[in-house]
């Protein structure tokens, strides 16, 4: 396995958080809707859903619009404030909290579904993150982790940014090809992490630049 140890959990703050929010609002809302479709396929309206590392909160907001009870935890206080404002603008209720995936501030067996998108590669201890996700899930609960595939090709990346224009396209393409891909995991690495966690049943699907990791408690 590659040397993939992280020195610390990575958060996004200040100007970068604001720019991430702007780019997400401009380019990623359809993506958030597709992720919400995945969640909605597995749990019905009224379910308790936790999003880990929601960033500016657009997936949580979309889930709240669909009738879920949504809680979201992010390590960045800047993102928590941005997400709260975005939820207020959307006129939906989401409980955005500051916290760390390695020590989630919830009791055992609290959520029907846990989702994490585009952030798992930023966690210092991926096995600990999986253990915490497992702990807060109810029995028979499910989790979905969506993140970049370390083995994504240049063709995959070009397709991902094909609908973007100008500076946004250049910046996102550069980000994918450099530090985001460098920090991302392969399908085999995800499988190894899961084997060290309490999760026993899982499935990993490759789609474009992303891996979809489905976990059953």
Protein backbone atom coordinates (compact mmCIF):
# COMPACT_ATOMS: atom_id res chain seq x y z
CA UNK A 1 0.00 0.00 0.00
CA UNK A 2 1.13 3.54 -0.70
CA UNK A 3 2.33 5.76 2.12
CA UNK A 4 -1.02 7.43 2.72
CA UNK A 5 -0.71 8.50 6.35
CA UNK A 6 -2.12 11.96 7.02
CA UNK A 7 -0.53 14.20 9.64
CA UNK A 8 -3.83 15.78 10.64
CA UNK A 9 -7.48 16.12 9.67
CA UNK A 10 -7.71 18.70 6.90
CA UNK A 11 -10.29 21.48 7.14
CA UNK A 12 -11.03 24.36 4.78
CA UNK A 13 -11.09 27.87 6.18
CA UNK A 14 -11.31 31.57 5.40
CA UNK A 15 -11.11 32.74 1.78
CA UNK A 16 -10.74 29.16 0.49
CA UNK A 17 -13.99 28.15 2.22
CA UNK A 18 -15.78 31.13 0.66
CA UNK A 19 -14.37 30.28 -2.79
CA UNK A 20 -15.39 26.63 -2.37
CA UNK A 21 -18.90 27.79 -1.53
CA UNK A 22 -19.02 30.04 -4.61
CA UNK A 23 -17.81 27.26 -6.88
CA UNK A 24 -20.23 24.74 -5.38
CA UNK A 25 -23.18 27.10 -5.79
CA UNK A 26 -22.17 27.74 -9.40
CA UNK A 27 -21.17 24.27 -10.58
CA UNK A 28 -22.00 21.45 -8.14
CA UNK A 29 -25.72 21.68 -7.32
CA UNK A 30 -26.72 18.99 -9.88
CA UNK A 31 -24.05 16.76 -8.36
CA UNK A 32 -25.55 17.30 -4.89
CA UNK A 33 -28.97 16.39 -6.24
CA UNK A 34 -27.60 13.15 -7.68
CA UNK A 35 -26.02 12.28 -4.32
CA UNK A 36 -29.33 12.99 -2.62
CA UNK A 37 -30.96 10.58 -5.07
CA UNK A 38 -28.58 7.88 -3.84
CA UNK A 39 -29.54 8.51 -0.21
CA UNK A 40 -33.25 8.66 -1.03
CA UNK A 41 -33.05 5.28 -2.73
CA UNK A 42 -32.11 3.61 0.57
CA UNK A 43 -34.12 5.47 3.22
CA UNK A 44 -37.57 7.02 3.30
CA UNK A 45 -38.70 10.51 4.20
CA UNK A 46 -38.40 11.32 7.86
CA UNK A 47 -35.21 9.28 8.31
CA UNK A 48 -32.42 10.68 10.46
CA UNK A 49 -29.46 11.42 8.17
CA UNK A 50 -25.97 12.54 9.17
CA UNK A 51 -23.63 14.21 6.71
CA UNK A 52 -19.97 14.16 7.71
CA UNK A 53 -17.86 17.08 6.41
CA UNK A 54 -20.70 18.88 4.56
CA UNK A 55 -18.61 21.89 3.54
CA UNK A 56 -21.00 24.67 2.43
CA UNK A 57 -23.91 22.34 3.10
CA UNK A 58 -25.63 21.94 -0.26
CA UNK A 59 -26.12 18.17 0.00
CA UNK A 60 -27.58 18.50 3.50
CA UNK A 61 -29.87 21.25 2.26
CA UNK A 62 -31.05 19.11 -0.66
CA UNK A 63 -31.73 16.21 1.71
CA UNK A 64 -33.71 18.48 4.06
CA UNK A 65 -35.81 19.64 1.10
CA UNK A 66 -36.73 15.98 0.53
CA UNK A 67 -38.13 15.49 4.02
CA UNK A 68 -35.16 14.02 5.90
CA UNK A 69 -34.12 15.08 9.41
CA UNK A 70 -30.56 16.19 8.69
CA UNK A 71 -27.59 16.78 10.97
CA UNK A 72 -24.18 17.73 9.61
CA UNK A 73 -20.75 17.97 11.25
CA UNK A 74 -17.73 19.81 9.87
CA UNK A 75 -14.31 20.49 11.39
CA UNK A 76 -14.27 24.02 9.94
CA UNK A 77 -16.19 26.69 11.89
CA UNK A 78 -16.12 28.82 8.73
CA UNK A 79 -17.95 26.14 6.78
CA UNK A 80 -20.46 25.70 9.62
CA UNK A 81 -21.37 29.39 9.44
CA UNK A 82 -21.52 29.37 5.63
CA UNK A 83 -23.73 26.25 5.66
CA UNK A 84 -26.09 27.79 8.23
CA UNK A 85 -26.52 30.87 6.02
CA UNK A 86 -27.12 28.72 2.95
CA UNK A 87 -29.77 26.67 4.78
CA UNK A 88 -31.46 29.86 5.96
CA UNK A 89 -31.55 31.17 2.38
CA UNK A 90 -33.07 27.86 1.25
CA UNK A 91 -35.64 28.03 4.09
CA UNK A 92 -34.85 24.53 5.38
CA UNK A 93 -33.81 23.23 8.77
CA UNK A 94 -30.43 21.49 9.08
CA UNK A 95 -28.54 21.06 12.36
CA UNK A 96 -25.01 22.15 11.36
CA UNK A 97 -22.42 21.51 14.07
CA UNK A 98 -18.68 21.91 14.46
CA UNK A 99 -16.98 18.59 15.17
CA UNK A 100 -14.51 15.94 14.10
CA UNK A 101 -15.28 12.63 12.43
CA UNK A 102 -12.80 10.88 14.73
CA UNK A 103 -14.98 11.76 17.73
CA UNK A 104 -18.53 12.38 16.56
CA UNK A 105 -20.64 14.22 19.19
CA UNK A 106 -23.52 11.74 19.09
CA UNK A 107 -24.75 8.75 21.03
CA UNK A 108 -24.59 5.23 19.62
CA UNK A 109 -27.14 4.05 17.04
CA UNK A 110 -28.63 7.48 16.32
CA UNK A 111 -28.83 7.73 12.51
CA UNK A 112 -30.50 5.73 9.75
CA UNK A 113 -27.98 6.86 7.14
CA UNK A 114 -24.55 8.54 7.09
CA UNK A 115 -23.16 10.20 3.98
CA UNK A 116 -19.76 11.75 3.28
CA UNK A 117 -18.84 13.27 -0.08
CA UNK A 118 -15.49 14.61 -1.33
CA UNK A 119 -13.95 14.65 2.13
CA UNK A 120 -12.91 11.16 3.26
CA UNK A 121 -9.41 11.64 1.80
CA UNK A 122 -8.94 14.55 4.25
CA UNK A 123 -9.31 12.44 7.39
CA UNK A 124 -6.15 11.67 9.35
CA UNK A 125 -7.35 8.24 10.49
CA UNK A 126 -9.73 6.66 7.93
CA UNK A 127 -10.25 3.53 10.01
CA UNK A 128 -11.23 5.58 13.06
CA UNK A 129 -13.61 7.55 10.85
CA UNK A 130 -15.26 4.33 9.70
CA UNK A 131 -15.52 3.10 13.29
CA UNK A 132 -17.27 6.31 14.34
CA UNK A 133 -19.65 6.16 11.38
CA UNK A 134 -20.48 2.57 12.32
CA UNK A 135 -21.02 3.53 15.97
CA UNK A 136 -23.58 6.27 15.29
CA UNK A 137 -25.53 4.22 12.74
CA UNK A 138 -28.63 2.36 13.87
CA UNK A 139 -28.73 -1.40 13.46
CA UNK A 140 -29.40 -2.15 9.77
CA UNK A 141 -28.33 1.43 8.98
CA UNK A 142 -26.34 2.30 5.89
CA UNK A 143 -23.53 4.66 4.95
CA UNK A 144 -22.28 6.05 1.67
CA UNK A 145 -18.84 7.53 1.08
CA UNK A 146 -18.23 9.27 -2.24
CA UNK A 147 -14.73 10.46 -2.99
CA UNK A 148 -12.20 10.81 -5.75
CA UNK A 149 -10.56 7.67 -7.09
CA UNK A 150 -6.76 7.82 -6.93
CA UNK A 151 -6.73 5.86 -10.20
CA UNK A 152 -8.93 8.32 -12.10
CA UNK A 153 -7.49 8.95 -15.57
CA UNK A 154 -6.90 12.26 -17.32
CA UNK A 155 -9.83 11.37 -19.57
CA UNK A 156 -12.05 10.89 -16.51
CA UNK A 157 -11.00 14.30 -15.16
CA UNK A 158 -11.52 16.04 -18.50
CA UNK A 159 -15.03 14.61 -18.67
CA UNK A 160 -15.76 15.75 -15.11
CA UNK A 161 -14.95 19.40 -15.88
CA UNK A 162 -16.35 19.42 -19.43
CA UNK A 163 -19.36 21.58 -18.46
CA UNK A 164 -17.26 24.19 -16.65
CA UNK A 165 -15.83 27.28 -18.28
CA UNK A 166 -12.99 29.76 -17.89
CA UNK A 167 -11.04 30.03 -14.66
CA UNK A 168 -13.33 27.63 -12.79
CA UNK A 169 -12.60 24.85 -15.28
CA UNK A 170 -8.85 25.43 -15.17
CA UNK A 171 -8.74 25.65 -11.37
CA UNK A 172 -10.87 22.57 -10.75
CA UNK A 173 -9.01 20.54 -13.38
CA UNK A 174 -5.67 21.51 -11.85
CA UNK A 175 -6.96 20.64 -8.36
CA UNK A 176 -8.16 17.20 -9.46
CA UNK A 177 -4.91 16.35 -11.20
CA UNK A 178 -2.63 17.48 -8.37
CA UNK A 179 -3.36 17.54 -4.64
CA UNK A 180 -6.88 16.04 -4.72
CA UNK A 181 -5.84 12.96 -6.69
CA UNK A 182 -2.64 12.64 -4.67
CA UNK A 183 -4.60 12.42 -1.41
CA UNK A 184 -7.35 10.17 -2.75
CA UNK A 185 -7.57 6.42 -2.19
CA UNK A 186 -7.85 3.47 -4.54
CA UNK A 187 -10.62 0.89 -4.39
CA UNK A 188 -8.16 -1.58 -2.83
CA UNK A 189 -7.13 0.91 -0.15
CA UNK A 190 -10.76 1.55 0.79
CA UNK A 191 -11.31 -2.20 1.05
CA UNK A 192 -8.33 -2.51 3.40
CA UNK A 193 -9.64 0.27 5.66
CA UNK A 194 -13.06 -1.38 5.81
CA UNK A 195 -11.52 -4.73 6.79
CA UNK A 196 -10.05 -2.97 9.86
CA UNK A 197 -13.43 -1.50 10.82
CA UNK A 198 -16.61 -3.07 12.28
CA UNK A 199 -18.31 -2.99 8.87
CA UNK A 200 -18.63 -6.47 7.38
CA UNK A 201 -20.79 -5.87 4.32
CA UNK A 202 -19.78 -3.35 1.70
CA UNK A 203 -19.75 -2.65 -2.01
CA UNK A 204 -17.51 -0.25 -3.97
CA UNK A 205 -18.61 1.17 -7.31
CA UNK A 206 -16.43 3.16 -9.71
CA UNK A 207 -18.13 6.02 -11.55
CA UNK A 208 -16.14 8.62 -13.51
CA UNK A 209 -13.51 10.13 -11.22
CA UNK A 210 -15.28 8.86 -8.11
CA UNK A 211 -15.61 5.80 -5.93
CA UNK A 212 -18.98 5.12 -4.30
CA UNK A 213 -18.46 3.09 -1.11
CA UNK A 214 -21.66 1.54 0.27
CA UNK A 215 -21.54 0.21 3.84
CA UNK A 216 -24.12 -1.82 5.78
CA UNK A 217 -24.27 -2.14 9.56
